[in-house]
């Protein structure tokens, strides 16, 4: 048996994490696609209310938030509130082809 270098082990661990993330993302996408519009709206409201009343959000001057995709919970109210509250809003740019921000 050959000794495994730290670099080889890190590479294998990194690949395992990457693969696990891909599987998890796919599972989440499936769950979100199966959610009814009513459930999505209900969950959007619940999440938005929790964030809007969170002390960290209330005292922040800047936030970073994603613009939701059709199958995700809505971030519209959160973004609108941030603008109304004169917070700086950072929205990452995402390249769907490379899956990079």
C-alpha atoms as a PDB file:
ATOM      1  CA  UNK A   1       0.000   0.000   0.000  1.00  0.00           C
ATOM      2  CA  UNK A   2       1.256   3.445  -0.908  1.00  0.00           C
ATOM      3  CA  UNK A   3       1.122   6.267   1.604  1.00  0.00           C
ATOM      4  CA  UNK A   4      -1.545   8.851   0.872  1.00  0.00           C
ATOM      5  CA  UNK A   5      -0.255  12.384   0.739  1.00  0.00           C
ATOM      6  CA  UNK A   6      -2.118  15.179   2.447  1.00  0.00           C
ATOM      7  CA  UNK A   7      -2.657  16.786  -0.950  1.00  0.00           C
ATOM      8  CA  UNK A   8      -4.250  13.612  -2.342  1.00  0.00           C
ATOM      9  CA  UNK A   9      -6.521  13.336   0.682  1.00  0.00           C
ATOM     10  CA  UNK A  10      -7.567  16.995   0.371  1.00  0.00           C
ATOM     11  CA  UNK A  11      -8.326  16.452  -3.323  1.00  0.00           C
ATOM     12  CA  UNK A  12     -10.475  13.406  -2.535  1.00  0.00           C
ATOM     13  CA  UNK A  13     -12.257  15.218   0.309  1.00  0.00           C
ATOM     14  CA  UNK A  14     -12.883  18.210  -1.927  1.00  0.00           C
ATOM     15  CA  UNK A  15     -14.357  15.969  -4.630  1.00  0.00           C
ATOM     16  CA  UNK A  16     -16.585  14.218  -2.083  1.00  0.00           C
ATOM     17  CA  UNK A  17     -17.858  17.571  -0.754  1.00  0.00           C
ATOM     18  CA  UNK A  18     -18.475  18.848  -4.284  1.00  0.00           C
ATOM     19  CA  UNK A  19     -20.415  15.691  -5.177  1.00  0.00           C
ATOM     20  CA  UNK A  20     -22.441  15.832  -1.957  1.00  0.00           C
ATOM     21  CA  UNK A  21     -23.309  19.495  -2.659  1.00  0.00           C
ATOM     22  CA  UNK A  22     -24.480  18.611  -6.172  1.00  0.00           C
ATOM     23  CA  UNK A  23     -26.727  15.842  -4.830  1.00  0.00           C
ATOM     24  CA  UNK A  24     -28.116  18.114  -2.107  1.00  0.00           C
ATOM     25  CA  UNK A  25     -28.791  20.929  -4.584  1.00  0.00           C
ATOM     26  CA  UNK A  26     -30.656  18.516  -6.856  1.00  0.00           C
ATOM     27  CA  UNK A  27     -32.764  17.241  -3.945  1.00  0.00           C
ATOM     28  CA  UNK A  28     -33.609  20.789  -2.878  1.00  0.00           C
ATOM     29  CA  UNK A  29     -34.535  21.742  -6.460  1.00  0.00           C
ATOM     30  CA  UNK A  30     -36.899  18.753  -6.619  1.00  0.00           C
ATOM     31  CA  UNK A  31     -38.505  19.682  -3.298  1.00  0.00           C
ATOM     32  CA  UNK A  32     -38.959  23.286  -4.391  1.00  0.00           C
ATOM     33  CA  UNK A  33     -40.469  22.236  -7.730  1.00  0.00           C
ATOM     34  CA  UNK A  34     -42.975  20.034  -5.933  1.00  0.00           C
ATOM     35  CA  UNK A  35     -44.090  22.846  -3.607  1.00  0.00           C
ATOM     36  CA  UNK A  36     -47.517  24.269  -4.433  1.00  0.00           C
ATOM     37  CA  UNK A  37     -47.792  28.007  -5.151  1.00  0.00           C
ATOM     38  CA  UNK A  38     -49.818  28.393  -1.948  1.00  0.00           C
ATOM     39  CA  UNK A  39     -47.107  26.690   0.120  1.00  0.00           C
ATOM     40  CA  UNK A  40     -44.431  28.790  -1.559  1.00  0.00           C
ATOM     41  CA  UNK A  41     -46.341  31.974  -0.759  1.00  0.00           C
ATOM     42  CA  UNK A  42     -46.895  30.868   2.841  1.00  0.00           C
ATOM     43  CA  UNK A  43     -43.227  29.960   3.291  1.00  0.00           C
ATOM     44  CA  UNK A  44     -42.137  33.212   1.634  1.00  0.00           C
ATOM     45  CA  UNK A  45     -44.218  35.204   4.106  1.00  0.00           C
ATOM     46  CA  UNK A  46     -42.884  33.269   7.094  1.00  0.00           C
ATOM     47  CA  UNK A  47     -39.248  33.664   6.095  1.00  0.00           C
ATOM     48  CA  UNK A  48     -39.688  37.337   5.188  1.00  0.00           C
ATOM     49  CA  UNK A  49     -41.345  38.150   8.525  1.00  0.00           C
ATOM     50  CA  UNK A  50     -38.574  36.409  10.464  1.00  0.00           C
ATOM     51  CA  UNK A  51     -35.859  38.274   8.579  1.00  0.00           C
ATOM     52  CA  UNK A  52     -37.590  41.668   8.744  1.00  0.00           C
ATOM     53  CA  UNK A  53     -37.916  41.402  12.531  1.00  0.00           C
ATOM     54  CA  UNK A  54     -34.468  39.982  13.204  1.00  0.00           C
ATOM     55  CA  UNK A  55     -32.250  42.353  15.241  1.00  0.00           C
ATOM     56  CA  UNK A  56     -29.324  41.910  12.820  1.00  0.00           C
ATOM     57  CA  UNK A  57     -31.490  42.923   9.867  1.00  0.00           C
ATOM     58  CA  UNK A  58     -33.010  45.848  11.755  1.00  0.00           C
ATOM     59  CA  UNK A  59     -29.589  47.288  12.633  1.00  0.00           C
ATOM     60  CA  UNK A  60     -27.903  46.544   9.311  1.00  0.00           C
ATOM     61  CA  UNK A  61     -27.037  49.199   6.777  1.00  0.00           C
ATOM     62  CA  UNK A  62     -26.193  46.721   4.024  1.00  0.00           C
ATOM     63  CA  UNK A  63     -27.588  43.351   3.018  1.00  0.00           C
ATOM     64  CA  UNK A  64     -26.767  40.759   0.409  1.00  0.00           C
ATOM     65  CA  UNK A  65     -29.716  38.850  -0.993  1.00  0.00           C
ATOM     66  CA  UNK A  66     -30.518  36.681  -3.978  1.00  0.00           C
ATOM     67  CA  UNK A  67     -33.290  37.484  -6.414  1.00  0.00           C
ATOM     68  CA  UNK A  68     -35.506  34.433  -6.208  1.00  0.00           C
ATOM     69  CA  UNK A  69     -36.066  32.029  -9.052  1.00  0.00           C
ATOM     70  CA  UNK A  70     -39.626  30.936  -9.956  1.00  0.00           C
ATOM     71  CA  UNK A  71     -39.454  27.754  -7.860  1.00  0.00           C
ATOM     72  CA  UNK A  72     -37.914  29.450  -4.790  1.00  0.00           C
ATOM     73  CA  UNK A  73     -39.468  31.396  -1.975  1.00  0.00           C
ATOM     74  CA  UNK A  74     -39.849  35.056  -2.825  1.00  0.00           C
ATOM     75  CA  UNK A  75     -37.271  37.626  -1.762  1.00  0.00           C
ATOM     76  CA  UNK A  76     -39.238  40.517  -3.298  1.00  0.00           C
ATOM     77  CA  UNK A  77     -40.657  41.884  -0.022  1.00  0.00           C
ATOM     78  CA  UNK A  78     -37.277  41.685   1.672  1.00  0.00           C
ATOM     79  CA  UNK A  79     -35.582  43.581  -1.162  1.00  0.00           C
ATOM     80  CA  UNK A  80     -38.350  46.193  -1.264  1.00  0.00           C
ATOM     81  CA  UNK A  81     -38.150  46.715   2.498  1.00  0.00           C
ATOM     82  CA  UNK A  82     -34.378  47.082   2.328  1.00  0.00           C
ATOM     83  CA  UNK A  83     -34.704  49.807  -0.305  1.00  0.00           C
ATOM     84  CA  UNK A  84     -37.472  51.557   1.664  1.00  0.00           C
ATOM     85  CA  UNK A  85     -35.202  51.441   4.720  1.00  0.00           C
ATOM     86  CA  UNK A  86     -32.341  52.985   2.735  1.00  0.00           C
ATOM     87  CA  UNK A  87     -30.135  49.933   3.128  1.00  0.00           C
ATOM     88  CA  UNK A  88     -27.483  49.172   0.539  1.00  0.00           C
ATOM     89  CA  UNK A  89     -28.577  46.015  -1.263  1.00  0.00           C
ATOM     90  CA  UNK A  90     -26.039  43.683  -2.842  1.00  0.00           C
ATOM     91  CA  UNK A  91     -27.386  41.152  -5.309  1.00  0.00           C
ATOM     92  CA  UNK A  92     -24.861  38.650  -6.671  1.00  0.00           C
ATOM     93  CA  UNK A  93     -24.579  38.158 -10.382  1.00  0.00           C
ATOM     94  CA  UNK A  94     -24.883  34.495 -11.321  1.00  0.00           C
ATOM     95  CA  UNK A  95     -23.720  32.825 -14.521  1.00  0.00           C
ATOM     96  CA  UNK A  96     -26.054  29.882 -15.101  1.00  0.00           C
ATOM     97  CA  UNK A  97     -23.682  28.288 -17.626  1.00  0.00           C
ATOM     98  CA  UNK A  98     -20.688  28.116 -15.281  1.00  0.00           C
ATOM     99  CA  UNK A  99     -22.641  28.170 -11.994  1.00  0.00           C
ATOM    100  CA  UNK A 100     -20.331  30.952 -10.806  1.00  0.00           C
ATOM    101  CA  UNK A 101     -21.096  34.195  -9.049  1.00  0.00           C
END
